[in-house]
N, C-alpha and C. Protein backbone atom coordinates (compact mmCIF):
# COMPACT_ATOMS: atom_id res chain seq x y z
N MET A 1 100.28 115.91 83.27
CA MET A 1 98.74 115.93 84.13
C MET A 1 98.46 115.93 84.81
N ARG A 2 97.45 116.33 85.84
CA ARG A 2 96.95 116.22 86.83
C ARG A 2 96.10 115.53 86.96
N LYS A 3 95.69 114.64 87.98
CA LYS A 3 93.50 113.89 87.56
C LYS A 3 93.72 114.88 88.68
N LYS A 4 92.20 115.26 88.54
CA LYS A 4 90.96 115.56 89.35
C LYS A 4 90.94 114.38 90.83
N PRO A 5 90.56 115.24 92.05
CA PRO A 5 90.48 114.49 92.75
C PRO A 5 89.29 113.60 92.81
N ARG A 6 88.75 112.55 93.34
CA ARG A 6 87.08 112.15 93.04
C ARG A 6 86.92 112.84 94.21
N ASP A 7 85.35 112.71 94.07
CA ASP A 7 84.92 113.91 94.47
C ASP A 7 83.70 112.55 95.92
N TYR A 8 84.34 111.46 95.79
CA TYR A 8 83.59 110.53 96.84
C TYR A 8 84.78 109.98 97.97
N GLU A 9 83.95 109.46 98.93
CA GLU A 9 84.88 108.50 99.81
C GLU A 9 84.48 107.00 99.92
N MET A 10 84.62 106.05 99.42
CA MET A 10 84.22 104.51 99.77
C MET A 10 84.63 103.89 100.52
N ARG A 11 83.53 103.38 101.62
CA ARG A 11 84.60 102.64 102.77
C ARG A 11 83.87 101.21 103.06
N VAL A 12 84.43 100.37 102.82
CA VAL A 12 83.89 98.98 102.90
C VAL A 12 84.15 98.70 104.64
N LEU A 13 82.90 98.07 105.20
CA LEU A 13 82.59 97.92 106.61
C LEU A 13 82.71 96.54 107.01
N ASP A 14 83.18 96.13 108.13
CA ASP A 14 83.47 94.80 108.72
C ASP A 14 82.43 93.91 108.31
N ASP A 15 81.12 94.46 108.14
CA ASP A 15 79.72 93.55 108.04
C ASP A 15 79.70 93.59 106.24
N GLY A 16 81.14 94.25 105.64
CA GLY A 16 79.81 93.78 103.58
C GLY A 16 79.71 95.10 103.51
N SER A 17 78.75 95.84 104.36
CA SER A 17 78.21 96.70 104.16
C SER A 17 79.34 98.29 103.49
N VAL A 18 78.72 99.14 102.95
CA VAL A 18 79.70 99.74 101.57
C VAL A 18 78.75 101.18 101.99
N PHE A 19 79.77 102.03 102.61
CA PHE A 19 79.76 103.49 102.87
C PHE A 19 79.89 104.91 102.13
N PHE A 20 79.37 105.48 101.27
CA PHE A 20 79.99 106.46 100.17
C PHE A 20 79.33 107.49 100.83
N ARG A 21 80.54 108.53 100.40
CA ARG A 21 80.03 110.27 100.95
C ARG A 21 80.72 110.75 100.24
N ASN A 22 79.83 111.71 99.65
CA ASN A 22 80.33 113.11 98.33
C ASN A 22 80.99 113.73 99.43
N THR A 23 81.97 114.01 98.44
CA THR A 23 83.00 115.09 99.74
C THR A 23 83.01 116.24 99.05
N GLU A 24 82.17 116.63 98.14
CA GLU A 24 81.96 117.95 97.45
C GLU A 24 80.90 118.51 98.13
N ILE A 25 79.66 117.53 98.80
CA ILE A 25 78.41 118.28 99.01
C ILE A 25 77.83 117.37 99.76
N PRO A 26 78.00 118.12 101.02
CA PRO A 26 77.73 117.49 102.19
C PRO A 26 75.94 117.40 102.41
N GLY A 27 76.15 115.99 103.26
CA GLY A 27 75.04 115.27 103.26
C GLY A 27 74.71 114.22 102.66
N LEU A 28 75.45 114.34 101.34
CA LEU A 28 74.82 113.43 100.41
C LEU A 28 76.01 112.17 100.66
N GLU A 29 75.34 111.08 101.15
CA GLU A 29 75.93 109.62 102.14
C GLU A 29 74.75 108.57 101.84
N ARG A 30 75.54 107.36 101.76
CA ARG A 30 74.45 106.06 101.39
C ARG A 30 75.51 104.95 102.47
N LEU A 31 74.69 104.56 103.22
CA LEU A 31 75.31 103.32 103.10
C LEU A 31 74.32 101.86 102.59
N ILE A 32 74.85 101.44 101.53
CA ILE A 32 74.49 99.82 100.95
C ILE A 32 74.94 98.74 101.88
N PRO A 33 73.56 98.50 102.56
CA PRO A 33 73.89 97.25 103.15
C PRO A 33 74.47 96.02 102.20
N PHE A 34 74.98 95.22 102.76
CA PHE A 34 75.74 93.63 102.10
C PHE A 34 74.70 92.71 101.56
N ALA A 35 73.43 92.71 102.48
CA ALA A 35 72.24 91.81 101.75
C ALA A 35 71.89 92.53 100.17
N GLU A 36 72.05 93.87 99.82
CA GLU A 36 71.27 94.86 98.89
C GLU A 36 72.52 94.48 98.05
N ILE A 37 73.68 94.60 98.18
CA ILE A 37 74.98 94.33 97.37
C ILE A 37 74.73 93.00 96.64
N LEU A 38 74.14 91.95 97.57
CA LEU A 38 74.15 90.82 96.96
C LEU A 38 73.37 90.55 96.12
N LYS A 39 72.07 90.87 96.69
CA LYS A 39 70.73 91.21 95.67
C LYS A 39 71.25 91.69 94.14
N ALA A 40 71.57 93.03 94.35
CA ALA A 40 71.98 93.51 93.06
C ALA A 40 73.45 92.99 92.15
N SER A 41 73.68 92.36 92.87
CA SER A 41 75.24 91.59 92.22
C SER A 41 74.31 90.30 91.36
N ARG A 42 73.86 90.09 91.94
CA ARG A 42 72.89 88.59 90.80
C ARG A 42 72.52 89.43 89.76
N ARG A 43 72.06 90.26 89.50
CA ARG A 43 71.16 90.87 88.68
C ARG A 43 72.34 91.42 87.20
N ASP A 44 73.07 92.37 88.00
CA ASP A 44 74.31 92.94 87.22
C ASP A 44 75.29 92.33 86.85
N PHE A 45 76.11 91.31 87.77
CA PHE A 45 77.19 90.51 87.39
C PHE A 45 77.35 89.39 86.16
N TRP A 46 76.39 89.05 85.80
CA TRP A 46 75.98 88.45 84.66
C TRP A 46 76.37 89.31 83.52
N LEU A 47 75.37 90.45 83.43
CA LEU A 47 75.49 90.99 82.52
C LEU A 47 76.97 91.67 82.44
N ASN A 48 77.63 91.77 83.23
CA ASN A 48 79.02 93.03 82.91
C ASN A 48 79.60 92.00 84.12
N PRO A 49 80.55 90.93 83.39
CA PRO A 49 81.50 89.60 84.35
C PRO A 49 82.70 90.37 84.08
N ASN A 50 82.96 91.59 83.41
CA ASN A 50 84.35 91.67 83.45
C ASN A 50 84.70 93.32 84.54
N ARG A 51 83.52 93.55 85.04
CA ARG A 51 83.77 94.89 85.95
C ARG A 51 83.73 93.98 86.90
N SER A 52 84.59 95.02 88.57
CA SER A 52 85.44 94.57 89.37
C SER A 52 83.87 94.75 90.58
N LEU A 53 83.74 94.23 91.69
CA LEU A 53 82.98 94.67 92.58
C LEU A 53 82.63 95.60 93.01
N TRP A 54 83.92 96.54 93.48
CA TRP A 54 83.43 97.87 93.88
C TRP A 54 82.87 98.57 92.60
N GLN A 55 83.36 98.06 91.13
CA GLN A 55 82.73 98.93 90.08
C GLN A 55 81.16 98.55 90.29
N HIS A 56 80.74 97.49 90.43
CA HIS A 56 79.42 97.15 90.70
C HIS A 56 78.73 97.98 91.59
N VAL A 57 79.19 98.14 93.02
CA VAL A 57 79.29 98.82 94.15
C VAL A 57 79.07 100.53 94.01
N PHE A 58 79.86 100.88 93.07
CA PHE A 58 79.62 102.34 92.54
C PHE A 58 78.37 102.34 92.04
N LYS A 59 78.09 101.71 90.96
CA LYS A 59 76.92 101.56 90.12
C LYS A 59 75.86 102.16 90.80
N MET A 60 75.75 101.13 92.05
CA MET A 60 74.86 101.25 92.75
C MET A 60 74.12 102.75 93.32
N TRP A 61 75.24 103.16 94.02
CA TRP A 61 75.42 104.57 94.63
C TRP A 61 75.09 105.96 93.08
N ASP A 62 75.91 105.34 92.24
CA ASP A 62 76.03 106.42 91.29
C ASP A 62 74.42 107.21 90.82
């Protein structure tokens, strides 16, 4: 069974921010600053402690 390729690219930058880009839809991209990730993680991590950090960050973009 072949897996469908992901339709997004995620890069973590040196300052901790994360850049998302949809590879199927030109222009659909977002830079999430590290401060925003920290703020959101305080709300979300305790609700979903088994989710890994990249899953929390992806939820912010989704």
